[in-house]
C-alpha atoms as a PDB file:
ATOM      1  CA  PRO A   1       1.245  -3.274 -13.392  1.00  0.00           C
ATOM      2  CA  HIS A   2       0.027  -6.873 -13.745  1.00  0.00           C
ATOM      3  CA  ASN A   3       2.393  -8.438 -11.192  1.00  0.00           C
ATOM      4  CA  GLU A   4       2.797  -7.953  -7.472  1.00  0.00           C
ATOM      5  CA  ALA A   5       5.916  -6.092  -6.340  1.00  0.00           C
ATOM      6  CA  GLU A   6       8.060  -6.509  -3.258  1.00  0.00           C
ATOM      7  CA  VAL A   7       8.872  -3.098  -1.814  1.00  0.00           C
ATOM      8  CA  GLN A   8      11.667  -2.278   0.610  1.00  0.00           C
ATOM      9  CA  CYS A   9      12.138   1.083   2.281  1.00  0.00           C
ATOM     10  CA  ALA A  10      15.027   2.253   4.483  1.00  0.00           C
ATOM     11  CA  LEU A  11      13.832   3.850   7.737  1.00  0.00           C
ATOM     12  CA  GLN A  12      16.870   5.803   8.882  1.00  0.00           C
ATOM     13  CA  GLY A  13      16.853   8.166  11.844  1.00  0.00           C
ATOM     14  CA  VAL A  14      13.515   7.030  13.260  1.00  0.00           C
ATOM     15  CA  GLN A  15      12.547   4.474  15.894  1.00  0.00           C
ATOM     16  CA  VAL A  16       9.533   2.742  14.311  1.00  0.00           C
ATOM     17  CA  SER A  17       6.776   1.446  16.576  1.00  0.00           C
ATOM     18  CA  ALA A  18       4.187   0.646  13.890  1.00  0.00           C
ATOM     19  CA  VAL A  19       3.421   0.992  10.191  1.00  0.00           C
ATOM     20  CA  THR A  20      -0.105   1.124   8.769  1.00  0.00           C
ATOM     21  CA  GLY A  21      -1.211   1.564   5.192  1.00  0.00           C
ATOM     22  CA  SER A  22      -3.979   2.347   2.747  1.00  0.00           C
ATOM     23  CA  ILE A  23      -4.389   0.849  -0.710  1.00  0.00           C
ATOM     24  CA  LEU A  24      -6.172   2.002  -3.846  1.00  0.00           C
ATOM     25  CA  THR A  25      -6.803  -0.821  -6.319  1.00  0.00           C
ATOM     26  CA  ALA A  26      -9.299  -2.254  -8.805  1.00  0.00           C
ATOM     27  CA  ASP A  27      -9.817  -5.314 -10.995  1.00  0.00           C
ATOM     28  CA  GLU A  28      -8.700  -3.539 -14.171  1.00  0.00           C
ATOM     29  CA  MET A  29      -5.900  -1.078 -14.893  1.00  0.00           C
ATOM     30  CA  GLY A  30      -8.106   1.621 -16.422  1.00  0.00           C
ATOM     31  CA  ALA A  31     -10.712   1.589 -13.639  1.00  0.00           C
ATOM     32  CA  TYR A  32     -12.203   4.909 -12.544  1.00  0.00           C
ATOM     33  CA  ASN A  33     -15.196   6.253 -10.653  1.00  0.00           C
ATOM     34  CA  THR A  34     -18.262   7.634 -12.426  1.00  0.00           C
ATOM     35  CA  PHE A  35     -21.545   9.124 -11.266  1.00  0.00           C
ATOM     36  CA  GLN A  36     -23.124   5.699 -11.886  1.00  0.00           C
ATOM     37  CA  ARG A  37     -20.324   3.886  -9.978  1.00  0.00           C
ATOM     38  CA  PRO A  38     -18.935   6.457  -7.523  1.00  0.00           C
ATOM     39  CA  GLU A  39     -17.243   3.873  -5.310  1.00  0.00           C
ATOM     40  CA  TYR A  40     -15.703   1.578  -7.930  1.00  0.00           C
ATOM     41  CA  VAL A  41     -12.190   2.624  -6.875  1.00  0.00           C
ATOM     42  CA  ILE A  42     -11.940   3.545  -3.184  1.00  0.00           C
ATOM     43  CA  PRO A  43      -9.174   3.542  -0.580  1.00  0.00           C
ATOM     44  CA  ALA A  44      -9.097   0.542   1.751  1.00  0.00           C
ATOM     45  CA  HIS A  45      -6.996  -0.663   4.678  1.00  0.00           C
ATOM     46  CA  PHE A  46      -3.743  -2.286   3.509  1.00  0.00           C
ATOM     47  CA  SER A  47      -4.016  -5.732   5.072  1.00  0.00           C
ATOM     48  CA  SER A  48      -0.886  -7.449   3.733  1.00  0.00           C
ATOM     49  CA  GLU A  49       1.967  -8.160   6.126  1.00  0.00           C
ATOM     50  CA  ILE A  50       4.338  -5.228   6.696  1.00  0.00           C
ATOM     51  CA  ARG A  51       7.704  -6.347   8.064  1.00  0.00           C
ATOM     52  CA  ILE A  52       9.960  -4.025  10.063  1.00  0.00           C
ATOM     53  CA  GLU A  53      13.491  -5.204  10.777  1.00  0.00           C
ATOM     54  CA  ALA A  54      16.979  -3.698  11.028  1.00  0.00           C
ATOM     55  CA  GLY A  55      15.948  -0.199   9.946  1.00  0.00           C
ATOM     56  CA  HIS A  56      13.952  -1.370   6.913  1.00  0.00           C
ATOM     57  CA  MET A  57      10.299  -1.839   6.068  1.00  0.00           C
ATOM     58  CA  SER A  58       9.230  -4.390   3.467  1.00  0.00           C
ATOM     59  CA  THR A  59       5.949  -5.624   2.062  1.00  0.00           C
ATOM     60  CA  VAL A  60       4.362  -6.968  -1.115  1.00  0.00           C
ATOM     61  CA  ILE A  61       2.076  -4.651  -3.076  1.00  0.00           C
ATOM     62  CA  PRO A  62      -0.624  -6.246  -5.253  1.00  0.00           C
ATOM     63  CA  PRO A  63      -0.832  -5.605  -9.004  1.00  0.00           C
ATOM     64  CA  MET A  64      -2.631  -2.478 -10.224  1.00  0.00           C
ATOM     65  CA  SER A  65      -2.484  -0.668  -6.904  1.00  0.00           C
ATOM     66  CA  VAL A  66      -1.150   2.433  -5.203  1.00  0.00           C
ATOM     67  CA  CYS A  67      -0.278   2.350  -1.509  1.00  0.00           C
ATOM     68  CA  ALA A  68       0.404   4.957   1.158  1.00  0.00           C
ATOM     69  CA  PHE A  69       2.053   4.060   4.458  1.00  0.00           C
ATOM     70  CA  GLU A  70       2.014   5.873   7.796  1.00  0.00           C
ATOM     71  CA  ILE A  71       5.099   5.294   9.912  1.00  0.00           C
ATOM     72  CA  GLN A  72       4.636   5.796  13.644  1.00  0.00           C
ATOM     73  CA  GLY A  73       7.628   6.345  15.869  1.00  0.00           C
END
C-alpha cells in the first residue's frame, strides 16, 4: 500500500474510445471521514495518464488509493 502500482487490463471484445477514472486516496492508510472531517477522504478525478493500446489499458495507481475506471466504447 505504500508504493505506486502499474496496472494493466485486457480490453477484449470492445472498441475503446475513451477511459476515465475516479480515485479515492488520502495521506495515511487508516484515513476515514468523521463528523468533524466529513470530506477527509473523497472521490476525485483520476488525472494520471491512462494508456490504451493493442487491446490493453495501462496506468499507474498511486499508493494508498482505490480507483474505478469507466470504459467508453
